[in-house]
Amino acid sequence: MQRVGRHGRQPPEGGPLENGVGQEPGTPEPPPAEAPTAPRAPRARPRLVFHTQLAHGSHTGRIEGFTNVKELYAKIAEVFDISPTEILFCTLNTHKVDMQKLLGGQIGLEDFIFAHVRGETKEVEVTKTEDALGLTITDNGAGYAFIKRIKEGSIINRLQTVCVGDSIEAINDHTIVGCRHYEVARMLRELPRAQPFTLRLVQPKKAFDMIGQRTRSSKSPGEGRVATGKETLRLRTQGPAVLEEGPSPSEEEAARRVDDLLESYMGIRDSELASTMVEVAKGSPGTDQLARGLDSVLGEFAFPPEFVAEVWAAVCHPKEGQE
């Protein structure tokens, strides 16, 4: 006599109970339930550490964790126990006042950062005998506009006390600290002719081997480029820094052409601004769309239509021989 289960039901012969349900004889057992997989750990961001020195001489420091130029200056200032406002600009891989090595919006992962700090203050009187002074101006992204180029034979070229790398602190005792380079260029253009004005300048602090050096920057295809490796850290005015591949040769050439146009139209050079304009132009099918795109991201510049057309042509339809 067969024994009946506790609840009066007998399991089928040869069929064990599986979760309370009888299994037919010969039926293969179901595979065991897979254990839940552990969540994959998020990929750690690479730790980006850069080496830095003061251009006039110092020990070597290490900085990391910055996302824009102001934070970069704050990190450098912390290492050398100075105020961030002491830093005029930075160059990459050279302690010299070399505008071709100027730090812009991108830093190669192998680049060495040299910070140029405030030196002597000087005042110079200028008489504007021509519309153009012969200055090309840029800024450091943190409130200081400075001279990036002096044109040979120009009004400024005849003033031996004015040098490339000098920060423009005031025009006629009106401070321009905090102004962008295009605002300073506009102020200088609007000064009346034949009326003297005063520039207050701050020169970078110099090491002994740099004293007496007057640097001039001639126009060259490499102007504004930064020596980088395959990857660069791109600093942004808004949002976090981005690790990305370096620009292609064609993109570098397009940015150089746009930078030349900025100098011709506005008296400024800005490699990061030029790169941004190239990005906008590449995503615009025509000049109207380019104008709207530039207004949306760079509206404060109020670029004239003829300038927008030249940017479009320089990026999307370069003339023969420009490539």
Protein backbone atom coordinates (compact mmCIF):
# COMPACT_ATOMS: atom_id res chain seq x y z
CA MET A 1 0.00 0.00 0.00
CA GLN A 2 1.35 3.32 -1.00
CA ARG A 3 1.65 6.08 1.50
CA VAL A 4 -0.19 9.24 0.72
CA GLY A 5 1.46 12.63 1.16
CA ARG A 6 0.68 14.93 4.00
CA HIS A 7 -1.93 16.78 1.95
CA GLY A 8 -3.45 13.62 0.46
CA ARG A 9 -1.59 13.95 -2.89
CA GLN A 10 0.97 11.41 -3.99
CA PRO A 11 3.98 12.55 -6.05
CA PRO A 12 4.18 10.86 -9.46
CA GLU A 13 6.45 7.86 -9.55
CA GLY A 14 10.02 8.82 -10.17
CA GLY A 15 9.07 12.48 -10.33
CA PRO A 16 10.43 14.68 -7.58
CA LEU A 17 8.56 17.73 -6.59
CA GLU A 18 9.87 20.95 -8.15
CA ASN A 19 8.40 24.00 -6.50
CA GLY A 20 5.40 21.87 -5.51
CA VAL A 21 4.74 20.58 -9.07
CA GLY A 22 5.39 17.00 -10.05
CA GLN A 23 7.90 16.33 -12.87
CA GLU A 24 7.24 13.62 -15.45
CA PRO A 25 9.71 10.76 -15.43
CA GLY A 26 12.56 11.27 -17.84
CA THR A 27 12.06 15.01 -18.01
CA PRO A 28 15.43 16.77 -17.67
CA GLU A 29 15.80 18.99 -14.71
CA PRO A 30 15.72 22.70 -15.52
CA PRO A 31 19.07 24.43 -15.25
CA PRO A 32 19.70 26.18 -11.99
CA ALA A 33 18.74 29.84 -11.93
CA GLU A 34 21.65 32.09 -12.75
CA ALA A 35 22.93 34.20 -9.91
CA PRO A 36 22.29 37.90 -10.45
CA THR A 37 25.33 39.60 -11.92
CA ALA A 38 26.92 42.36 -9.92
CA PRO A 39 26.54 45.83 -11.45
CA ARG A 40 29.57 46.85 -13.50
CA ALA A 41 31.67 49.43 -11.77
CA PRO A 42 31.66 52.81 -13.56
CA ARG A 43 34.75 53.48 -15.61
CA ALA A 44 37.11 55.67 -13.65
CA ARG A 45 38.12 58.93 -15.31
CA PRO A 46 41.85 59.20 -15.90
CA ARG A 47 43.67 61.30 -13.35
CA LEU A 48 45.08 64.24 -15.26
CA VAL A 49 48.08 65.77 -13.53
CA PHE A 50 50.08 68.60 -15.11
CA HIS A 51 53.47 70.04 -14.20
CA THR A 52 53.91 73.78 -13.84
CA GLN A 53 56.51 76.44 -13.07
CA LEU A 54 56.61 80.22 -12.83
CA ALA A 55 58.14 81.50 -16.06
CA HIS A 56 60.74 83.69 -14.32
CA GLY A 57 61.91 80.74 -12.22
CA SER A 58 60.53 78.49 -9.48
CA HIS A 59 60.31 74.92 -8.29
CA THR A 60 58.10 72.51 -10.23
CA GLY A 61 54.56 72.05 -9.00
CA ARG A 62 51.79 69.57 -9.85
CA ILE A 63 48.20 70.63 -10.49
CA GLU A 64 44.98 68.74 -11.26
CA GLY A 65 41.22 69.00 -10.94
CA PHE A 66 40.53 72.20 -12.91
CA THR A 67 37.85 72.63 -15.57
CA ASN A 68 38.43 76.19 -16.87
CA VAL A 69 41.12 78.85 -17.05
CA LYS A 70 40.14 80.60 -13.80
CA GLU A 71 40.32 77.33 -11.89
CA LEU A 72 43.66 76.57 -13.57
CA TYR A 73 45.07 79.91 -12.39
CA ALA A 74 43.74 79.26 -8.87
CA LYS A 75 45.49 75.88 -8.78
CA ILE A 76 48.79 77.37 -9.98
CA ALA A 77 48.50 80.22 -7.45
CA GLU A 78 47.90 77.72 -4.65
CA VAL A 79 51.05 75.76 -5.54
CA PHE A 80 53.27 78.87 -5.53
CA ASP A 81 51.47 80.72 -2.70
CA ILE A 82 50.53 83.76 -4.79
CA SER A 83 47.23 85.41 -5.72
CA PRO A 84 45.52 84.19 -8.93
CA THR A 85 45.33 87.84 -10.02
CA GLU A 86 49.14 87.88 -10.23
CA ILE A 87 49.04 85.56 -13.28
CA LEU A 88 48.90 87.42 -16.60
CA PHE A 89 48.94 84.42 -18.97
CA CYS A 90 50.47 80.97 -19.44
CA THR A 91 52.64 79.43 -22.15
CA LEU A 92 53.14 75.76 -22.91
CA ASN A 93 56.54 74.06 -22.94
CA THR A 94 58.53 77.31 -22.86
CA HIS A 95 59.24 79.97 -20.21
CA LYS A 96 59.65 82.64 -22.90
CA VAL A 97 57.01 85.19 -23.92
CA ASP A 98 56.21 83.19 -27.05
CA MET A 99 52.76 83.91 -28.44
CA GLN A 100 52.91 80.79 -30.62
CA LYS A 101 52.97 78.73 -27.42
CA LEU A 102 50.23 80.63 -25.65
CA LEU A 103 47.82 78.53 -23.59
CA GLY A 104 44.36 78.80 -25.11
CA GLY A 105 41.41 76.49 -24.53
CA GLN A 106 43.32 73.23 -25.00
CA ILE A 107 46.19 71.61 -23.15
CA GLY A 108 48.00 68.54 -24.47
CA LEU A 109 48.31 65.77 -21.90
CA GLU A 110 52.11 66.01 -22.06
CA ASP A 111 52.30 69.83 -21.96
CA PHE A 112 54.29 71.66 -19.27
CA ILE A 113 52.60 74.88 -18.10
CA PHE A 114 54.61 78.06 -17.45
CA ALA A 115 52.80 80.90 -15.66
CA HIS A 116 53.87 84.49 -16.40
CA VAL A 117 53.16 86.77 -13.44
CA ARG A 118 52.95 90.53 -12.96
CA GLY A 119 56.19 92.47 -13.19
CA GLU A 120 56.80 96.19 -13.47
CA THR A 121 54.05 98.68 -14.26
CA LYS A 122 54.74 101.36 -16.88
CA GLU A 123 52.84 104.19 -18.53
CA VAL A 124 53.30 105.34 -22.11
CA GLU A 125 51.75 108.28 -23.96
CA VAL A 126 50.51 107.53 -27.47
CA THR A 127 49.36 109.91 -30.19
CA LYS A 128 47.02 108.25 -32.66
CA THR A 129 48.21 109.57 -36.01
CA GLU A 130 46.51 106.70 -37.90
CA ASP A 131 43.29 104.77 -37.46
CA ALA A 132 45.16 101.55 -36.62
CA LEU A 133 47.68 101.43 -33.79
CA GLY A 134 49.27 98.20 -35.02
CA LEU A 135 48.27 96.11 -32.01
CA THR A 136 46.77 92.65 -31.93
CA ILE A 137 45.11 91.96 -28.58
CA THR A 138 44.06 88.76 -26.85
CA ASP A 139 43.06 87.95 -23.26
CA ASN A 140 43.77 85.26 -20.73
CA GLY A 141 40.15 84.31 -20.07
CA ALA A 142 40.42 85.58 -16.50
CA GLY A 143 40.18 89.35 -16.83
CA TYR A 144 43.47 90.49 -18.39
CA ALA A 145 43.85 91.67 -21.99
CA PHE A 146 47.39 91.77 -23.33
CA ILE A 147 49.36 92.49 -26.49
CA LYS A 148 49.82 89.46 -28.73
CA ARG A 149 51.43 91.11 -31.74
CA ILE A 150 52.96 94.42 -32.76
CA LYS A 151 52.89 95.25 -36.45
CA GLU A 152 56.19 96.34 -37.94
CA GLY A 153 56.23 100.04 -38.87
CA SER A 154 53.11 100.83 -36.84
CA ILE A 155 52.54 103.57 -34.25
CA ILE A 156 53.12 101.14 -31.36
CA ASN A 157 56.17 99.68 -33.08
CA ARG A 158 57.89 103.05 -32.74
CA LEU A 159 57.42 103.00 -28.94
CA GLN A 160 60.27 100.90 -27.62
CA THR A 161 58.77 100.59 -24.14
CA VAL A 162 55.74 98.62 -25.43
CA CYS A 163 56.32 94.87 -25.84
CA VAL A 164 54.44 91.74 -26.79
CA GLY A 165 53.11 90.17 -23.60
CA ASP A 166 52.38 93.49 -21.87
CA SER A 167 49.00 93.50 -20.16
CA ILE A 168 46.85 96.59 -20.79
CA GLU A 169 45.63 97.66 -17.35
CA ALA A 170 44.14 101.09 -18.11
CA ILE A 171 43.43 103.53 -20.95
CA ASN A 172 43.56 107.18 -19.81
CA ASP A 173 43.33 106.03 -16.17
CA HIS A 174 40.15 104.10 -17.00
CA THR A 175 40.76 100.53 -15.84
CA ILE A 176 39.96 97.82 -18.36
CA VAL A 177 40.68 94.87 -16.04
CA GLY A 178 37.82 92.41 -16.52
CA CYS A 179 37.14 93.47 -20.12
CA ARG A 180 37.40 90.97 -22.96
CA HIS A 181 39.98 91.54 -25.69
CA TYR A 182 37.42 92.58 -28.30
CA GLU A 183 36.08 95.25 -25.95
CA VAL A 184 39.58 96.67 -25.45
CA ALA A 185 40.23 96.61 -29.20
CA ARG A 186 36.97 98.51 -29.75
CA MET A 187 37.94 101.15 -27.17
CA LEU A 188 41.30 101.74 -28.86
CA ARG A 189 39.70 101.98 -32.32
CA GLU A 190 37.22 104.57 -31.08
CA LEU A 191 39.87 106.90 -29.66
CA PRO A 192 40.04 110.14 -31.69
CA ARG A 193 42.99 110.80 -33.97
CA ALA A 194 45.63 113.44 -33.17
CA GLN A 195 44.68 113.36 -29.49
CA PRO A 196 47.29 111.85 -27.12
CA PHE A 197 46.18 109.14 -24.69
CA THR A 198 47.92 107.13 -21.99
CA LEU A 199 48.28 103.38 -21.72
CA ARG A 200 49.09 101.81 -18.37
CA LEU A 201 50.83 98.50 -19.01
CA VAL A 202 52.05 95.65 -16.81
CA GLN A 203 54.92 93.60 -18.18
CA PRO A 204 55.51 89.95 -17.25
CA LYS A 205 58.12 89.38 -14.57
CA LYS A 206 61.38 88.43 -16.25
CA ALA A 207 64.24 86.16 -15.31
CA PHE A 208 67.77 87.51 -15.65
CA ASP A 209 68.27 85.92 -19.06
CA MET A 210 65.15 87.68 -20.37
CA ILE A 211 65.90 91.23 -19.17
CA GLY A 212 66.14 93.67 -22.06
CA GLN A 213 64.43 91.29 -24.46
CA ARG A 214 61.79 92.89 -26.68
CA THR A 215 59.71 90.17 -28.26
CA ARG A 216 57.97 90.66 -31.56
CA SER A 217 55.65 88.18 -33.11
CA SER A 218 55.63 87.87 -36.86
CA LYS A 219 52.70 86.30 -38.64
CA SER A 220 53.30 82.62 -39.21
CA PRO A 221 51.16 79.56 -40.01
CA GLY A 222 51.79 78.17 -36.55
CA GLU A 223 50.45 81.22 -34.70
CA GLY A 224 48.14 80.23 -31.89
CA ARG A 225 48.77 76.51 -32.15
CA VAL A 226 49.62 74.49 -29.09
CA ALA A 227 51.99 71.56 -29.26
CA THR A 228 49.80 68.65 -28.18
CA GLY A 229 49.77 64.92 -28.07
CA LYS A 230 47.00 62.76 -29.48
CA GLU A 231 44.59 63.82 -26.75
CA THR A 232 44.00 67.24 -25.27
CA LEU A 233 42.13 68.62 -22.29
CA ARG A 234 39.71 71.21 -23.63
CA LEU A 235 38.78 73.92 -21.17
CA ARG A 236 35.32 75.45 -21.49
CA THR A 237 33.91 78.72 -20.19
CA GLN A 238 30.77 76.87 -19.14
CA GLY A 239 30.58 73.22 -18.17
CA PRO A 240 33.29 70.70 -17.33
CA ALA A 241 36.56 70.26 -19.18
CA VAL A 242 36.47 67.60 -21.90
CA LEU A 243 39.16 65.08 -22.82
CA GLU A 244 39.10 64.76 -26.61
CA GLU A 245 41.14 63.95 -29.65
CA GLY A 246 43.24 66.81 -30.97
CA PRO A 247 41.97 68.72 -34.02
CA SER A 248 42.74 67.31 -37.45
CA PRO A 249 45.20 69.16 -39.72
CA SER A 250 42.31 70.49 -41.82
CA GLU A 251 40.52 71.79 -38.71
CA GLU A 252 43.73 73.45 -37.48
CA GLU A 253 44.18 75.12 -40.87
CA ALA A 254 40.55 76.32 -40.91
CA ALA A 255 40.96 77.74 -37.39
CA ARG A 256 44.13 79.55 -38.47
CA ARG A 257 42.28 81.17 -41.39
CA VAL A 258 39.44 82.28 -39.11
CA ASP A 259 41.98 83.63 -36.59
CA ASP A 260 43.52 85.69 -39.41
CA LEU A 261 40.06 87.08 -40.22
CA LEU A 262 39.53 88.02 -36.57
CA GLU A 263 42.75 89.98 -36.64
CA SER A 264 41.84 91.73 -39.89
CA TYR A 265 38.33 92.72 -38.80
CA MET A 266 38.69 93.22 -35.05
CA GLY A 267 42.37 93.55 -34.19
CA ILE A 268 42.29 90.46 -31.98
CA ARG A 269 43.61 86.92 -32.18
CA ASP A 270 41.95 84.11 -30.25
CA SER A 271 42.62 80.51 -31.26
CA GLU A 272 39.86 79.13 -29.01
CA LEU A 273 37.30 81.58 -30.42
CA ALA A 274 38.42 80.64 -33.94
CA SER A 275 38.04 76.91 -33.15
CA THR A 276 34.52 77.50 -31.80
CA MET A 277 33.58 79.38 -34.98
CA VAL A 278 34.94 76.53 -37.11
CA GLU A 279 32.75 74.05 -35.19
CA VAL A 280 29.66 76.21 -35.75
CA ALA A 281 30.48 76.68 -39.46
CA LYS A 282 30.96 72.93 -40.02
CA GLY A 283 27.43 72.32 -38.71
CA SER A 284 25.84 75.09 -40.79
CA PRO A 285 24.67 74.42 -44.38
CA GLY A 286 24.87 78.10 -45.38
CA THR A 287 25.79 81.62 -44.33
CA ASP A 288 22.31 82.39 -42.92
CA GLN A 289 22.46 79.37 -40.64
CA LEU A 290 26.05 80.26 -39.69
CA ALA A 291 24.97 83.80 -38.73
CA ARG A 292 22.21 82.41 -36.51
CA GLY A 293 24.58 79.87 -34.98
CA LEU A 294 27.19 82.52 -34.19
CA ASP A 295 24.53 84.79 -32.68
CA SER A 296 23.36 81.96 -30.41
CA VAL A 297 26.80 81.19 -28.96
CA LEU A 298 28.78 84.40 -29.60
CA GLY A 299 26.08 87.06 -29.79
CA GLU A 300 28.11 89.63 -27.84
CA PHE A 301 30.49 90.00 -30.79
CA ALA A 302 27.76 91.17 -33.23
CA PHE A 303 29.70 89.95 -36.27
CA PRO A 304 28.80 91.88 -39.47
CA PRO A 305 27.30 89.89 -42.40
CA GLU A 306 30.37 90.35 -44.62
CA PHE A 307 32.58 88.87 -41.87
CA VAL A 308 30.24 85.88 -41.46
CA ALA A 309 30.41 85.30 -45.23
CA GLU A 310 34.21 85.29 -45.14
CA VAL A 311 34.23 82.84 -42.22
CA TRP A 312 31.91 80.55 -44.15
CA ALA A 313 34.15 80.71 -47.22
CA ALA A 314 37.32 80.16 -45.18
CA VAL A 315 35.95 77.06 -43.44
CA CYS A 316 33.71 75.42 -46.01
CA HIS A 317 35.05 76.69 -49.33
CA PRO A 318 38.73 77.63 -48.92
CA LYS A 319 40.29 79.23 -51.95
CA GLU A 320 42.75 77.28 -54.03
CA GLY A 321 46.15 77.32 -52.38
CA GLN A 322 44.79 77.87 -48.86
CA GLU A 323 44.79 74.19 -47.96
